[in-house]
Amino acid sequence: MGRFITVDGIEIEVLRQLKAKYIRLKINRKTNTPVVTVPYFCPLLMAERFIKSHIIWLKKNLESIPAKTTFQDQMAITILNQPVIIHLSHQKRTGTYIEGGILYVSGDAEYLHRRVKDYIKKQVNLYAGQKALEFAKILNVHIKGVTIRDTTSRWGSCSSTGHLSLCWRLGLAPLFVLDYVIAHEVSHLKEMNHSHAFWKEVAILYPDVRKAKKWLHDNGKDLHKFN
């Protein structure tokens, strides 16, 4: 179990790392809790002073975190640009499927959230797999696979071996945002950095980078309210 300190009524987890050179304060986006990382032999008093010097930033960011929520019966959401109403179904047909603007989810209510989430993951995987192949062909690079994950610190990632990972919550964003993230990760197969050369590759696949980045900046926190 990790150690905690309390500053101004806020409980903060303390992580000691041998390789850490500086004190860093962040909010764990999966648990929405503050974490301070300190060099292994750093006195706890120094960590507390650091937190106090950033207390305004910490409180502001904690207040801006949207409350966590789950998918509910009759909730309106958008999946890959398609608006739907979630409907807990007790019909004979089983599974999760869209028909006439309704996302039918069979089974008991306690499984509804997980089944909607699994359905979104599947749809994102199908779409992203095809889109990544299209982009890879344009840049003449090779994609080995696309994995959909429950990430909180980044929207996507790309390994040097050609494996792409994407956050499932992108399925709730406008399609142009998902296209941008896919283009971003595929471009890393040309340039494993964020240099000027890298952004030139991204622009070949997706010209309106600013629009997509702005949407994520303005709305990304709303996507993370879904567990």
C-alpha atoms as a PDB file:
ATOM      1  CA  MET A   1       0.000   0.000   0.000  1.00  0.00           C
ATOM      2  CA  GLY A   2       1.335   3.418  -0.919  1.00  0.00           C
ATOM      3  CA  ARG A   3       1.846   6.282   1.498  1.00  0.00           C
ATOM      4  CA  PHE A   4      -0.428   9.310   1.619  1.00  0.00           C
ATOM      5  CA  ILE A   5      -0.065  12.854   2.881  1.00  0.00           C
ATOM      6  CA  THR A   6      -2.814  15.413   3.411  1.00  0.00           C
ATOM      7  CA  VAL A   7      -2.403  19.024   2.321  1.00  0.00           C
ATOM      8  CA  ASP A   8      -5.224  21.548   2.740  1.00  0.00           C
ATOM      9  CA  GLY A   9      -7.641  18.702   3.321  1.00  0.00           C
ATOM     10  CA  ILE A  10      -6.633  16.918   0.108  1.00  0.00           C
ATOM     11  CA  GLU A  11      -5.251  13.384   0.380  1.00  0.00           C
ATOM     12  CA  ILE A  12      -2.342  12.837  -2.020  1.00  0.00           C
ATOM     13  CA  GLU A  13      -0.626   9.552  -2.808  1.00  0.00           C
ATOM     14  CA  VAL A  14       3.165   9.585  -2.535  1.00  0.00           C
ATOM     15  CA  LEU A  15       5.185   7.531  -4.996  1.00  0.00           C
ATOM     16  CA  ARG A  16       8.919   7.195  -4.381  1.00  0.00           C
ATOM     17  CA  GLN A  17      11.014   6.331  -7.440  1.00  0.00           C
ATOM     18  CA  LEU A  18      14.725   5.616  -7.583  1.00  0.00           C
ATOM     19  CA  LYS A  19      15.033   7.111 -11.078  1.00  0.00           C
ATOM     20  CA  ALA A  20      13.041  10.265 -10.315  1.00  0.00           C
ATOM     21  CA  LYS A  21      15.136  13.445 -10.382  1.00  0.00           C
ATOM     22  CA  TYR A  22      12.392  15.946  -9.649  1.00  0.00           C
ATOM     23  CA  ILE A  23       9.181  16.205  -7.666  1.00  0.00           C
ATOM     24  CA  ARG A  24       6.126  15.895  -9.932  1.00  0.00           C
ATOM     25  CA  LEU A  25       2.482  16.428  -9.102  1.00  0.00           C
ATOM     26  CA  LYS A  26      -0.290  15.037 -11.281  1.00  0.00           C
ATOM     27  CA  ILE A  27      -3.829  13.675 -11.186  1.00  0.00           C
ATOM     28  CA  ASN A  28      -4.307   9.993 -11.915  1.00  0.00           C
ATOM     29  CA  ARG A  29      -6.984  10.128 -14.623  1.00  0.00           C
ATOM     30  CA  LYS A  30      -8.113   6.577 -13.933  1.00  0.00           C
ATOM     31  CA  THR A  31      -8.850   7.168 -10.255  1.00  0.00           C
ATOM     32  CA  ASN A  32      -9.140  10.988 -10.373  1.00  0.00           C
ATOM     33  CA  THR A  33      -6.824  11.217  -7.372  1.00  0.00           C
ATOM     34  CA  PRO A  34      -3.700  13.388  -6.959  1.00  0.00           C
ATOM     35  CA  VAL A  35      -0.296  11.721  -6.950  1.00  0.00           C
ATOM     36  CA  VAL A  36       3.067  13.247  -6.082  1.00  0.00           C
ATOM     37  CA  THR A  37       6.157  11.457  -7.401  1.00  0.00           C
ATOM     38  CA  VAL A  38       9.386  12.143  -5.511  1.00  0.00           C
ATOM     39  CA  PRO A  39      13.006  10.961  -5.687  1.00  0.00           C
ATOM     40  CA  TYR A  40      13.436   7.944  -3.444  1.00  0.00           C
ATOM     41  CA  PHE A  41      15.388   9.680  -0.673  1.00  0.00           C
ATOM     42  CA  CYS A  42      13.526  12.977  -0.846  1.00  0.00           C
ATOM     43  CA  PRO A  43      12.214  14.142   2.580  1.00  0.00           C
ATOM     44  CA  LEU A  44       8.448  14.090   2.781  1.00  0.00           C
ATOM     45  CA  LEU A  45       8.517  17.681   4.007  1.00  0.00           C
ATOM     46  CA  MET A  46       9.917  18.800   0.633  1.00  0.00           C
ATOM     47  CA  ALA A  47       7.080  17.033  -1.169  1.00  0.00           C
ATOM     48  CA  GLU A  48       4.563  18.764   1.099  1.00  0.00           C
ATOM     49  CA  ARG A  49       6.120  22.183   0.402  1.00  0.00           C
ATOM     50  CA  PHE A  50       6.020  21.472  -3.338  1.00  0.00           C
ATOM     51  CA  ILE A  51       2.344  20.570  -3.178  1.00  0.00           C
ATOM     52  CA  LYS A  52       1.542  23.728  -1.196  1.00  0.00           C
ATOM     53  CA  SER A  53       3.258  25.823  -3.868  1.00  0.00           C
ATOM     54  CA  HIS A  54       0.963  24.234  -6.475  1.00  0.00           C
ATOM     55  CA  ILE A  55      -2.196  24.002  -4.374  1.00  0.00           C
ATOM     56  CA  ILE A  56      -4.188  26.440  -6.515  1.00  0.00           C
ATOM     57  CA  TRP A  57      -3.407  24.396  -9.647  1.00  0.00           C
ATOM     58  CA  LEU A  58      -4.311  21.178  -7.832  1.00  0.00           C
ATOM     59  CA  LYS A  59      -7.665  22.431  -6.526  1.00  0.00           C
ATOM     60  CA  LYS A  60      -8.608  23.921  -9.886  1.00  0.00           C
ATOM     61  CA  ASN A  61      -7.918  20.660 -11.711  1.00  0.00           C
ATOM     62  CA  LEU A  62      -9.698  18.516  -9.136  1.00  0.00           C
ATOM     63  CA  GLU A  63     -12.765  20.742  -9.373  1.00  0.00           C
ATOM     64  CA  SER A  64     -12.794  20.461 -13.177  1.00  0.00           C
ATOM     65  CA  ILE A  65     -12.915  16.652 -13.171  1.00  0.00           C
ATOM     66  CA  PRO A  66     -16.362  15.506 -14.339  1.00  0.00           C
ATOM     67  CA  ALA A  67     -18.172  13.024 -12.119  1.00  0.00           C
ATOM     68  CA  LYS A  68     -17.764   9.421 -13.216  1.00  0.00           C
ATOM     69  CA  THR A  69     -20.794   7.874 -14.845  1.00  0.00           C
ATOM     70  CA  THR A  70     -21.963   4.648 -16.428  1.00  0.00           C
ATOM     71  CA  PHE A  71     -24.122   3.913 -19.448  1.00  0.00           C
ATOM     72  CA  GLN A  72     -27.781   3.792 -18.515  1.00  0.00           C
ATOM     73  CA  ASP A  73     -31.051   2.664 -20.056  1.00  0.00           C
ATOM     74  CA  GLN A  74     -32.548   5.462 -22.236  1.00  0.00           C
ATOM     75  CA  MET A  75     -29.267   7.406 -22.274  1.00  0.00           C
ATOM     76  CA  ALA A  76     -28.476   9.219 -25.536  1.00  0.00           C
ATOM     77  CA  ILE A  77     -24.932   8.733 -26.843  1.00  0.00           C
ATOM     78  CA  THR A  78     -23.133   8.907 -30.172  1.00  0.00           C
ATOM     79  CA  ILE A  79     -21.073   5.976 -31.467  1.00  0.00           C
ATOM     80  CA  LEU A  80     -18.824   6.688 -34.443  1.00  0.00           C
ATOM     81  CA  ASN A  81     -20.986   9.669 -35.453  1.00  0.00           C
ATOM     82  CA  GLN A  82     -24.237   7.688 -35.090  1.00  0.00           C
ATOM     83  CA  PRO A  83     -26.651   9.056 -32.448  1.00  0.00           C
ATOM     84  CA  VAL A  84     -28.414   6.286 -30.554  1.00  0.00           C
ATOM     85  CA  ILE A  85     -30.622   5.776 -27.518  1.00  0.00           C
ATOM     86  CA  ILE A  86     -29.600   2.940 -25.221  1.00  0.00           C
ATOM     87  CA  HIS A  87     -32.450   0.496 -24.624  1.00  0.00           C
ATOM     88  CA  LEU A  88     -32.297  -2.395 -22.191  1.00  0.00           C
ATOM     89  CA  SER A  89     -33.981  -5.136 -24.175  1.00  0.00           C
ATOM     90  CA  HIS A  90     -35.793  -8.213 -22.950  1.00  0.00           C
ATOM     91  CA  GLN A  91     -36.629  -9.415 -26.447  1.00  0.00           C
ATOM     92  CA  LYS A  92     -35.737 -12.896 -27.638  1.00  0.00           C
ATOM     93  CA  ARG A  93     -32.900 -11.599 -29.802  1.00  0.00           C
ATOM     94  CA  THR A  94     -29.773 -11.475 -27.688  1.00  0.00           C
ATOM     95  CA  GLY A  95     -26.624  -9.412 -27.890  1.00  0.00           C
ATOM     96  CA  THR A  96     -25.982  -5.714 -28.450  1.00  0.00           C
ATOM     97  CA  TYR A  97     -26.934  -4.136 -31.763  1.00  0.00           C
ATOM     98  CA  ILE A  98     -28.191  -0.918 -33.364  1.00  0.00           C
ATOM     99  CA  GLU A  99     -31.486  -0.800 -35.197  1.00  0.00           C
ATOM    100  CA  GLY A 100     -33.489   2.306 -36.083  1.00  0.00           C
ATOM    101  CA  GLY A 101     -31.407   4.619 -33.919  1.00  0.00           C
ATOM    102  CA  ILE A 102     -31.762   2.339 -30.878  1.00  0.00           C
ATOM    103  CA  LEU A 103     -28.854   0.530 -29.260  1.00  0.00           C
ATOM    104  CA  TYR A 104     -30.492  -2.626 -27.970  1.00  0.00           C
ATOM    105  CA  VAL A 105     -28.699  -4.276 -25.055  1.00  0.00           C
ATOM    106  CA  SER A 106     -29.972  -7.632 -23.841  1.00  0.00           C
ATOM    107  CA  GLY A 107     -29.612  -9.069 -20.368  1.00  0.00           C
ATOM    108  CA  ASP A 108     -29.870  -7.731 -16.837  1.00  0.00           C
ATOM    109  CA  ALA A 109     -29.383  -4.046 -15.999  1.00  0.00           C
ATOM    110  CA  GLU A 110     -26.232  -4.750 -13.976  1.00  0.00           C
ATOM    111  CA  TYR A 111     -24.430  -5.821 -17.176  1.00  0.00           C
ATOM    112  CA  LEU A 112     -25.638  -2.940 -19.359  1.00  0.00           C
ATOM    113  CA  HIS A 113     -22.626  -0.657 -18.883  1.00  0.00           C
ATOM    114  CA  ARG A 114     -20.089  -3.362 -19.657  1.00  0.00           C
ATOM    115  CA  ARG A 115     -21.986  -4.551 -22.721  1.00  0.00           C
ATOM    116  CA  VAL A 116     -22.304  -1.052 -24.160  1.00  0.00           C
ATOM    117  CA  LYS A 117     -18.613  -0.476 -23.512  1.00  0.00           C
ATOM    118  CA  ASP A 118     -17.697  -3.785 -25.173  1.00  0.00           C
ATOM    119  CA  TYR A 119     -19.862  -2.891 -28.167  1.00  0.00           C
ATOM    120  CA  ILE A 120     -18.131   0.484 -28.574  1.00  0.00           C
ATOM    121  CA  LYS A 121     -14.721  -1.186 -28.326  1.00  0.00           C
ATOM    122  CA  LYS A 122     -15.660  -3.626 -31.066  1.00  0.00           C
ATOM    123  CA  GLN A 123     -16.923  -0.890 -33.385  1.00  0.00           C
ATOM    124  CA  VAL A 124     -13.839   1.255 -32.828  1.00  0.00           C
ATOM    125  CA  ASN A 125     -11.611  -1.737 -33.478  1.00  0.00           C
ATOM    126  CA  LEU A 126     -13.352  -2.555 -36.759  1.00  0.00           C
ATOM    127  CA  TYR A 127     -13.297   1.042 -37.984  1.00  0.00           C
ATOM    128  CA  ALA A 128      -9.776   1.860 -36.796  1.00  0.00           C
ATOM    129  CA  GLY A 129      -8.343  -1.331 -38.251  1.00  0.00           C
ATOM    130  CA  GLN A 130      -9.605  -0.449 -41.717  1.00  0.00           C
ATOM    131  CA  LYS A 131      -8.704   3.239 -41.453  1.00  0.00           C
ATOM    132  CA  ALA A 132      -5.200   2.473 -40.217  1.00  0.00           C
ATOM    133  CA  LEU A 133      -4.620   0.193 -43.215  1.00  0.00           C
ATOM    134  CA  GLU A 134      -5.786   2.972 -45.580  1.00  0.00           C
ATOM    135  CA  PHE A 135      -3.446   5.493 -43.962  1.00  0.00           C
ATOM    136  CA  ALA A 136      -0.560   3.011 -43.857  1.00  0.00           C
ATOM    137  CA  LYS A 137      -0.913   2.400 -47.589  1.00  0.00           C
ATOM    138  CA  ILE A 138      -0.635   6.140 -48.278  1.00  0.00           C
ATOM    139  CA  LEU A 139       2.565   6.449 -46.229  1.00  0.00           C
ATOM    140  CA  ASN A 140       3.896   3.090 -47.414  1.00  0.00           C
ATOM    141  CA  VAL A 141       4.266   1.698 -43.887  1.00  0.00           C
ATOM    142  CA  HIS A 142       3.113  -1.607 -42.389  1.00  0.00           C
ATOM    143  CA  ILE A 143       0.472  -2.023 -39.676  1.00  0.00           C
ATOM    144  CA  LYS A 144       0.577  -5.237 -37.668  1.00  0.00           C
ATOM    145  CA  GLY A 145      -2.532  -4.676 -35.612  1.00  0.00           C
ATOM    146  CA  VAL A 146      -4.821  -2.320 -33.724  1.00  0.00           C
ATOM    147  CA  THR A 147      -5.751  -2.818 -30.069  1.00  0.00           C
ATOM    148  CA  ILE A 148      -8.465  -0.936 -28.209  1.00  0.00           C
ATOM    149  CA  ARG A 149      -7.570  -0.200 -24.599  1.00  0.00           C
ATOM    150  CA  ASP A 150      -8.916   1.519 -21.504  1.00  0.00           C
ATOM    151  CA  THR A 151      -6.276   4.249 -21.355  1.00  0.00           C
ATOM    152  CA  THR A 152      -6.496   7.516 -19.443  1.00  0.00           C
ATOM    153  CA  SER A 153      -3.201   9.295 -20.025  1.00  0.00           C
ATOM    154  CA  ARG A 154      -3.159   9.176 -23.835  1.00  0.00           C
ATOM    155  CA  TRP A 155      -5.585   8.738 -26.715  1.00  0.00           C
ATOM    156  CA  GLY A 156      -3.327   6.471 -28.722  1.00  0.00           C
ATOM    157  CA  SER A 157       0.132   5.012 -29.058  1.00  0.00           C
ATOM    158  CA  CYS A 158       2.239   3.264 -31.668  1.00  0.00           C
ATOM    159  CA  SER A 159       5.103   0.805 -31.276  1.00  0.00           C
ATOM    160  CA  SER A 160       8.049   0.630 -33.625  1.00  0.00           C
ATOM    161  CA  THR A 161       6.858  -2.860 -34.615  1.00  0.00           C
ATOM    162  CA  GLY A 162       3.630  -1.520 -36.114  1.00  0.00           C
ATOM    163  CA  HIS A 163       1.137  -2.149 -33.311  1.00  0.00           C
ATOM    164  CA  LEU A 164      -1.346   0.663 -32.664  1.00  0.00           C
ATOM    165  CA  SER A 165      -3.311   1.160 -29.445  1.00  0.00           C
ATOM    166  CA  LEU A 166      -6.333   3.446 -29.141  1.00  0.00           C
ATOM    167  CA  CYS A 167      -8.560   4.530 -26.271  1.00  0.00           C
ATOM    168  CA  TRP A 168     -12.063   3.048 -26.559  1.00  0.00           C
ATOM    169  CA  ARG A 169     -13.632   6.380 -25.541  1.00  0.00           C
ATOM    170  CA  LEU A 170     -12.722   7.794 -28.964  1.00  0.00           C
ATOM    171  CA  GLY A 171     -15.762   5.893 -30.229  1.00  0.00           C
ATOM    172  CA  LEU A 172     -17.883   8.506 -28.436  1.00  0.00           C
ATOM    173  CA  ALA A 173     -16.087  11.410 -30.118  1.00  0.00           C
ATOM    174  CA  PRO A 174     -16.839  12.812 -33.595  1.00  0.00           C
ATOM    175  CA  LEU A 175     -15.398  10.619 -36.326  1.00  0.00           C
ATOM    176  CA  PHE A 176     -12.972  13.317 -37.465  1.00  0.00           C
ATOM    177  CA  VAL A 177     -11.328  13.151 -34.025  1.00  0.00           C
ATOM    178  CA  LEU A 178     -10.836   9.383 -34.247  1.00  0.00           C
ATOM    179  CA  ASP A 179      -9.468   9.800 -37.781  1.00  0.00           C
ATOM    180  CA  TYR A 180      -6.942  12.329 -36.505  1.00  0.00           C
ATOM    181  CA  VAL A 181      -5.707  10.070 -33.695  1.00  0.00           C
ATOM    182  CA  ILE A 182      -5.338   7.155 -36.119  1.00  0.00           C
ATOM    183  CA  ALA A 183      -3.440   9.390 -38.565  1.00  0.00           C
ATOM    184  CA  HIS A 184      -1.244  10.592 -35.711  1.00  0.00           C
ATOM    185  CA  GLU A 185      -0.272   7.080 -34.647  1.00  0.00           C
ATOM    186  CA  VAL A 186       0.246   5.739 -38.170  1.00  0.00           C
ATOM    187  CA  SER A 187       2.542   8.703 -38.889  1.00  0.00           C
ATOM    188  CA  HIS A 188       4.775   7.563 -36.035  1.00  0.00           C
ATOM    189  CA  LEU A 189       5.734   4.601 -38.209  1.00  0.00           C
ATOM    190  CA  LYS A 190       7.498   7.168 -40.388  1.00  0.00           C
ATOM    191  CA  GLU A 191       8.733   9.437 -37.627  1.00  0.00           C
ATOM    192  CA  MET A 192       8.920   8.139 -34.031  1.00  0.00           C
ATOM    193  CA  ASN A 193       8.930  11.664 -32.636  1.00  0.00           C
ATOM    194  CA  HIS A 194       6.990  14.919 -32.839  1.00  0.00           C
ATOM    195  CA  SER A 195       9.335  16.768 -35.138  1.00  0.00           C
ATOM    196  CA  HIS A 196       8.377  19.027 -38.019  1.00  0.00           C
ATOM    197  CA  ALA A 197       8.867  16.027 -40.318  1.00  0.00           C
ATOM    198  CA  PHE A 198       6.370  14.040 -38.256  1.00  0.00           C
ATOM    199  CA  TRP A 199       3.659  16.698 -38.496  1.00  0.00           C
ATOM    200  CA  LYS A 200       4.173  16.858 -42.243  1.00  0.00           C
ATOM    201  CA  GLU A 201       3.304  13.159 -42.407  1.00  0.00           C
ATOM    202  CA  VAL A 202       0.215  13.695 -40.263  1.00  0.00           C
ATOM    203  CA  ALA A 203      -0.936  16.521 -42.553  1.00  0.00           C
ATOM    204  CA  ILE A 204      -0.761  14.179 -45.537  1.00  0.00           C
ATOM    205  CA  LEU A 205      -3.280  11.877 -43.860  1.00  0.00           C
ATOM    206  CA  TYR A 206      -5.325  14.422 -41.950  1.00  0.00           C
ATOM    207  CA  PRO A 207      -5.019  18.119 -42.957  1.00  0.00           C
ATOM    208  CA  ASP A 208      -7.193  19.723 -40.251  1.00  0.00           C
ATOM    209  CA  VAL A 209      -5.070  18.813 -37.243  1.00  0.00           C
ATOM    210  CA  ARG A 210      -5.908  21.996 -35.333  1.00  0.00           C
ATOM    211  CA  LYS A 211      -9.657  21.282 -35.403  1.00  0.00           C
ATOM    212  CA  ALA A 212      -9.251  17.776 -33.964  1.00  0.00           C
ATOM    213  CA  LYS A 213      -6.737  18.831 -31.312  1.00  0.00           C
ATOM    214  CA  LYS A 214      -9.017  21.668 -30.215  1.00  0.00           C
ATOM    215  CA  TRP A 215     -11.967  19.293 -29.884  1.00  0.00           C
ATOM    216  CA  LEU A 216      -9.947  16.946 -27.676  1.00  0.00           C
ATOM    217  CA  HIS A 217      -8.668  19.858 -25.603  1.00  0.00           C
ATOM    218  CA  ASP A 218     -12.193  21.206 -25.075  1.00  0.00           C
ATOM    219  CA  ASN A 219     -14.098  17.927 -24.708  1.00  0.00           C
ATOM    220  CA  GLY A 220     -11.631  15.201 -23.769  1.00  0.00           C
ATOM    221  CA  LYS A 221     -12.499  15.356 -20.067  1.00  0.00           C
ATOM    222  CA  ASP A 222     -16.137  14.633 -20.874  1.00  0.00           C
ATOM    223  CA  LEU A 223     -15.117  11.375 -22.553  1.00  0.00           C
ATOM    224  CA  HIS A 224     -13.184  10.318 -19.466  1.00  0.00           C
ATOM    225  CA  LYS A 225     -16.262  10.526 -17.262  1.00  0.00           C
ATOM    226  CA  PHE A 226     -17.193   7.079 -18.593  1.00  0.00           C
ATOM    227  CA  ASN A 227     -15.478   4.302 -16.634  1.00  0.00           C
END
